[in-house]
N, C-alpha and C. Protein backbone atom coordinates (compact mmCIF):
# COMPACT_ATOMS: atom_id res chain seq x y z
N MET A 1 4.52 21.41 -15.61
CA MET A 1 3.01 21.40 -15.75
C MET A 1 2.67 21.71 -14.40
N SER A 2 1.51 22.65 -14.13
CA SER A 2 1.13 22.87 -12.89
C SER A 2 0.32 21.79 -12.07
N THR A 3 0.43 22.20 -10.77
CA THR A 3 -0.43 20.98 -9.95
C THR A 3 -1.95 20.78 -10.42
N ALA A 4 -2.56 21.78 -10.76
CA ALA A 4 -3.83 21.64 -11.29
C ALA A 4 -3.93 20.99 -12.59
N ALA A 5 -2.93 21.19 -13.38
CA ALA A 5 -2.86 20.39 -14.84
C ALA A 5 -2.70 18.85 -14.53
N LYS A 6 -1.92 18.75 -13.56
CA LYS A 6 -1.48 17.34 -13.41
C LYS A 6 -2.77 16.65 -12.71
N TYR A 7 -3.39 17.32 -11.87
CA TYR A 7 -4.67 16.55 -11.13
C TYR A 7 -5.66 16.38 -12.18
N ALA A 8 -5.81 17.32 -12.99
CA ALA A 8 -6.73 17.15 -14.25
C ALA A 8 -6.66 16.18 -14.99
N LYS A 9 -5.18 16.01 -15.45
CA LYS A 9 -4.67 14.71 -16.46
C LYS A 9 -5.08 13.66 -15.73
N ASN A 10 -4.69 13.43 -14.37
CA ASN A 10 -4.84 12.27 -13.88
C ASN A 10 -6.37 11.90 -13.77
N LEU A 11 -7.32 12.89 -13.47
CA LEU A 11 -8.74 12.39 -13.40
C LEU A 11 -9.16 12.05 -14.86
N GLN A 12 -8.72 12.67 -15.86
CA GLN A 12 -8.75 12.33 -17.25
C GLN A 12 -8.50 10.95 -17.72
N ARG A 13 -7.28 10.43 -16.97
CA ARG A 13 -6.88 8.93 -17.29
C ARG A 13 -7.59 8.13 -16.45
N PHE A 14 -8.18 8.58 -15.14
CA PHE A 14 -8.86 7.67 -14.43
C PHE A 14 -10.16 7.41 -15.06
N ARG A 15 -10.72 8.24 -15.62
CA ARG A 15 -11.92 8.33 -16.39
C ARG A 15 -11.92 7.41 -17.70
N GLN A 16 -10.76 7.37 -18.23
CA GLN A 16 -10.59 6.46 -19.67
C GLN A 16 -10.45 5.17 -19.31
N ALA A 17 -9.68 4.93 -18.05
CA ALA A 17 -9.54 3.58 -17.64
C ALA A 17 -10.60 3.10 -17.20
N VAL A 18 -11.60 3.75 -16.40
CA VAL A 18 -12.78 3.24 -15.95
C VAL A 18 -13.57 2.83 -17.15
N GLY A 19 -13.81 3.55 -18.29
CA GLY A 19 -14.53 3.34 -19.41
C GLY A 19 -14.17 2.24 -20.17
N VAL A 20 -12.75 2.02 -20.37
CA VAL A 20 -12.34 0.87 -20.96
C VAL A 20 -12.56 -0.44 -20.12
N HIS A 21 -12.45 -0.45 -18.96
CA HIS A 21 -12.83 -1.55 -17.93
C HIS A 21 -14.14 -1.86 -17.99
N ASP A 22 -15.12 -0.98 -18.03
CA ASP A 22 -16.32 -1.17 -18.20
C ASP A 22 -17.02 -1.80 -19.44
N ARG A 23 -16.33 -1.36 -20.50
CA ARG A 23 -16.60 -1.74 -21.59
C ARG A 23 -16.20 -3.17 -21.93
N GLU A 24 -14.92 -3.38 -21.55
CA GLU A 24 -14.31 -4.74 -21.85
C GLU A 24 -14.75 -5.94 -20.90
N ASN A 25 -15.39 -5.61 -19.61
CA ASN A 25 -15.52 -6.55 -18.58
C ASN A 25 -16.77 -6.57 -18.14
N GLU A 26 -17.51 -7.86 -17.79
CA GLU A 26 -18.70 -7.69 -17.27
C GLU A 26 -19.15 -7.19 -15.87
N CYS A 27 -18.00 -6.87 -15.04
CA CYS A 27 -18.19 -6.18 -13.84
C CYS A 27 -18.03 -4.91 -13.94
N THR A 28 -18.55 -4.09 -13.12
CA THR A 28 -18.66 -2.60 -12.93
C THR A 28 -17.44 -2.14 -12.12
N ALA A 29 -16.67 -0.97 -12.54
CA ALA A 29 -15.77 -0.46 -11.90
C ALA A 29 -16.36 0.34 -10.42
N THR A 30 -15.68 0.27 -9.72
CA THR A 30 -16.15 0.86 -8.35
C THR A 30 -15.08 1.97 -7.58
N GLY A 31 -13.95 1.93 -8.31
CA GLY A 31 -13.01 2.70 -7.76
C GLY A 31 -11.54 2.91 -8.33
N ILE A 32 -10.84 3.59 -7.92
CA ILE A 32 -9.34 3.67 -8.42
C ILE A 32 -8.33 3.46 -7.40
N GLY A 33 -7.66 2.65 -7.40
CA GLY A 33 -6.61 2.08 -6.35
C GLY A 33 -5.19 2.84 -6.84
N LEU A 34 -4.73 3.48 -5.56
CA LEU A 34 -3.46 3.89 -5.82
C LEU A 34 -2.53 3.62 -4.70
N SER A 35 -1.35 3.77 -4.77
CA SER A 35 -0.24 3.46 -3.67
C SER A 35 -0.57 4.53 -2.65
N PHE A 36 -0.10 4.32 -1.54
CA PHE A 36 -0.31 5.13 -0.29
C PHE A 36 0.58 6.44 -0.58
N PHE A 37 1.72 6.40 -1.19
CA PHE A 37 2.52 7.56 -1.47
C PHE A 37 1.94 8.38 -2.65
N ASP A 38 1.38 7.83 -3.54
CA ASP A 38 0.54 8.66 -4.67
C ASP A 38 -0.78 9.15 -4.03
N MET A 39 -1.23 8.80 -3.20
CA MET A 39 -2.52 9.19 -2.63
C MET A 39 -2.13 10.49 -1.71
N ASP A 40 -1.05 10.35 -0.95
CA ASP A 40 -0.58 11.71 -0.28
C ASP A 40 -0.02 12.68 -1.21
N ARG A 41 0.67 12.25 -2.28
CA ARG A 41 1.21 13.36 -3.24
C ARG A 41 0.45 14.10 -3.94
N LEU A 42 -0.83 13.29 -4.25
CA LEU A 42 -1.88 13.80 -5.18
C LEU A 42 -2.83 14.40 -4.32
N ASP A 43 -2.90 14.38 -3.03
CA ASP A 43 -3.83 14.98 -2.07
C ASP A 43 -5.22 14.33 -2.12
N PHE A 44 -5.17 13.03 -2.16
CA PHE A 44 -6.51 12.25 -2.28
C PHE A 44 -6.72 11.61 -0.71
N ASP A 45 -7.92 11.63 -0.37
CA ASP A 45 -8.40 11.00 0.94
C ASP A 45 -8.85 9.48 0.64
N GLU A 46 -8.72 8.59 1.54
CA GLU A 46 -9.18 7.29 1.39
C GLU A 46 -10.83 7.33 1.07
N ALA A 47 -11.24 6.62 0.33
CA ALA A 47 -12.73 6.69 0.00
C ALA A 47 -13.25 7.99 -0.75
N GLU A 48 -12.54 8.74 -1.00
CA GLU A 48 -12.74 10.15 -1.44
C GLU A 48 -13.50 9.85 -2.84
N GLU A 49 -14.79 10.60 -3.12
CA GLU A 49 -15.54 10.16 -4.46
C GLU A 49 -15.01 11.19 -5.32
N LEU A 50 -14.69 10.49 -6.63
CA LEU A 50 -14.14 11.22 -7.78
C LEU A 50 -15.24 11.68 -8.47
N TRP A 51 -16.27 10.78 -8.74
CA TRP A 51 -17.57 10.97 -9.43
C TRP A 51 -18.43 9.92 -8.85
N PRO A 52 -19.73 10.08 -9.11
CA PRO A 52 -20.65 9.02 -8.52
C PRO A 52 -20.22 7.76 -8.86
N GLY A 53 -20.25 6.83 -7.86
CA GLY A 53 -19.89 5.38 -7.99
C GLY A 53 -18.36 5.23 -8.08
N ILE A 54 -17.42 6.12 -8.06
CA ILE A 54 -15.91 5.77 -8.07
C ILE A 54 -15.30 6.50 -7.07
N THR A 55 -14.78 5.99 -6.32
CA THR A 55 -13.87 6.36 -4.95
C THR A 55 -12.52 5.89 -5.34
N VAL A 56 -11.65 6.61 -4.50
CA VAL A 56 -10.14 6.27 -4.30
C VAL A 56 -9.88 5.33 -3.13
N HIS A 57 -8.95 4.52 -3.25
CA HIS A 57 -8.57 3.60 -2.33
C HIS A 57 -7.11 3.19 -2.25
N ALA A 58 -6.49 3.30 -1.12
CA ALA A 58 -5.01 2.77 -1.25
C ALA A 58 -4.96 1.31 -1.24
N VAL A 59 -4.07 0.97 -2.22
CA VAL A 59 -3.70 -0.43 -2.45
C VAL A 59 -2.34 -0.78 -2.51
N GLU A 60 -1.79 -1.82 -2.22
CA GLU A 60 -0.28 -2.22 -2.13
C GLU A 60 -0.08 -2.36 -3.62
N MET A 61 0.69 -1.31 -4.10
CA MET A 61 1.34 -1.18 -5.66
C MET A 61 2.54 -0.40 -5.79
N THR A 62 3.19 -0.48 -6.76
CA THR A 62 4.28 0.43 -6.64
C THR A 62 3.88 2.06 -7.15
N THR A 63 4.54 2.79 -6.74
CA THR A 63 4.25 4.37 -7.02
C THR A 63 4.27 4.65 -8.26
N GLY A 64 3.49 5.51 -8.83
CA GLY A 64 3.33 5.92 -10.28
C GLY A 64 2.47 5.25 -10.91
N ASN A 65 1.67 4.43 -10.47
CA ASN A 65 0.68 3.53 -11.16
C ASN A 65 -0.62 3.78 -10.50
N PHE A 66 -1.74 3.32 -11.24
CA PHE A 66 -3.01 3.21 -10.63
C PHE A 66 -3.85 2.09 -11.31
N ARG A 67 -4.71 1.52 -10.43
CA ARG A 67 -5.62 0.34 -10.71
C ARG A 67 -7.09 0.67 -10.79
N VAL A 68 -7.88 0.10 -11.63
CA VAL A 68 -9.21 0.18 -11.73
C VAL A 68 -9.62 -1.02 -10.77
N LEU A 69 -10.49 -0.66 -9.79
CA LEU A 69 -11.05 -1.42 -8.81
C LEU A 69 -12.46 -1.75 -9.42
N CYS A 70 -13.13 -3.23 -9.07
CA CYS A 70 -14.27 -3.34 -9.62
C CYS A 70 -14.98 -4.26 -8.47
N ASP A 71 -16.24 -4.61 -8.86
CA ASP A 71 -16.94 -5.28 -7.86
C ASP A 71 -17.15 -6.78 -8.33
N GLY A 72 -16.56 -7.34 -9.23
CA GLY A 72 -16.57 -8.57 -9.63
C GLY A 72 -15.32 -9.52 -10.04
N GLU A 73 -15.70 -10.63 -10.44
CA GLU A 73 -14.44 -11.50 -10.76
C GLU A 73 -14.25 -11.28 -12.51
N HIS A 74 -13.02 -11.38 -12.85
CA HIS A 74 -12.68 -11.25 -14.12
C HIS A 74 -12.82 -12.68 -15.00
N GLY A 75 -12.90 -13.62 -14.50
CA GLY A 75 -12.74 -14.85 -15.11
C GLY A 75 -11.35 -15.40 -15.08
N PRO A 76 -11.09 -16.48 -15.95
CA PRO A 76 -9.85 -17.26 -15.98
C PRO A 76 -8.60 -16.43 -16.32
N SER A 77 -8.76 -15.09 -16.76
CA SER A 77 -7.35 -14.52 -17.18
C SER A 77 -7.48 -13.20 -16.33
N GLU A 78 -7.65 -13.47 -15.12
CA GLU A 78 -7.77 -12.19 -14.14
C GLU A 78 -6.22 -11.55 -14.19
N ALA A 79 -5.24 -12.20 -14.09
CA ALA A 79 -3.90 -11.69 -13.74
C ALA A 79 -3.59 -10.81 -15.13
N GLU A 80 -4.08 -11.29 -15.98
CA GLU A 80 -3.79 -10.32 -17.49
C GLU A 80 -4.70 -9.15 -17.37
N VAL A 81 -5.86 -9.15 -16.95
CA VAL A 81 -6.84 -8.03 -16.82
C VAL A 81 -6.37 -7.07 -15.84
N GLN A 82 -5.86 -7.66 -14.75
CA GLN A 82 -5.30 -6.88 -13.64
C GLN A 82 -4.02 -6.01 -14.07
N ALA A 83 -3.24 -6.69 -14.89
CA ALA A 83 -2.03 -6.09 -15.43
C ALA A 83 -2.15 -5.08 -16.33
N ALA A 84 -3.30 -5.21 -17.14
CA ALA A 84 -3.86 -4.31 -18.17
C ALA A 84 -4.39 -3.05 -17.61
N ASP A 85 -4.92 -3.21 -16.42
CA ASP A 85 -5.66 -2.23 -15.65
C ASP A 85 -4.80 -1.31 -15.07
N VAL A 86 -3.38 -1.43 -14.82
CA VAL A 86 -2.24 -0.88 -14.36
C VAL A 86 -1.85 0.22 -15.22
N THR A 87 -1.91 1.50 -14.84
CA THR A 87 -1.56 2.57 -15.88
C THR A 87 -0.77 3.72 -14.94
N GLU A 88 -0.05 4.21 -15.89
CA GLU A 88 1.00 5.19 -15.23
C GLU A 88 0.50 6.49 -15.02
N LEU A 89 0.70 7.20 -13.86
CA LEU A 89 0.30 8.49 -13.37
C LEU A 89 1.01 9.53 -14.12
N ILE A 90 0.40 10.63 -14.29
CA ILE A 90 1.01 11.83 -15.02
C ILE A 90 1.74 12.66 -14.04
N GLY A 91 3.00 13.05 -14.45
CA GLY A 91 3.84 13.92 -13.72
C GLY A 91 4.79 13.24 -12.64
N VAL A 92 4.68 11.82 -12.74
CA VAL A 92 5.63 10.99 -11.87
C VAL A 92 6.78 10.43 -12.73
N GLU A 93 7.85 11.01 -11.96
CA GLU A 93 9.28 10.47 -12.51
C GLU A 93 9.49 9.05 -12.04
N ALA A 94 10.00 8.24 -12.91
CA ALA A 94 10.18 6.85 -12.70
C ALA A 94 11.75 6.68 -12.13
């Protein structure tokens, strides 16, 4: 798979995850969280805007995953929601 194809697939996954998050939660997604390694590997800059209102940020997590970042609290099952928001990146070997 070419680099451009991996980049496009990841953007598609980001868009899908944000859509699911916004549909299932009262708070609005504000960004995508990636590990420092993945940000460098995928050539993203801190606070780079993917599309209006959604930016990329470095967060402490394992490589090969991403997290949807939002502007609110998820309620009593926050840990479950956060775990569900972590998704594997395309083209990353575990």
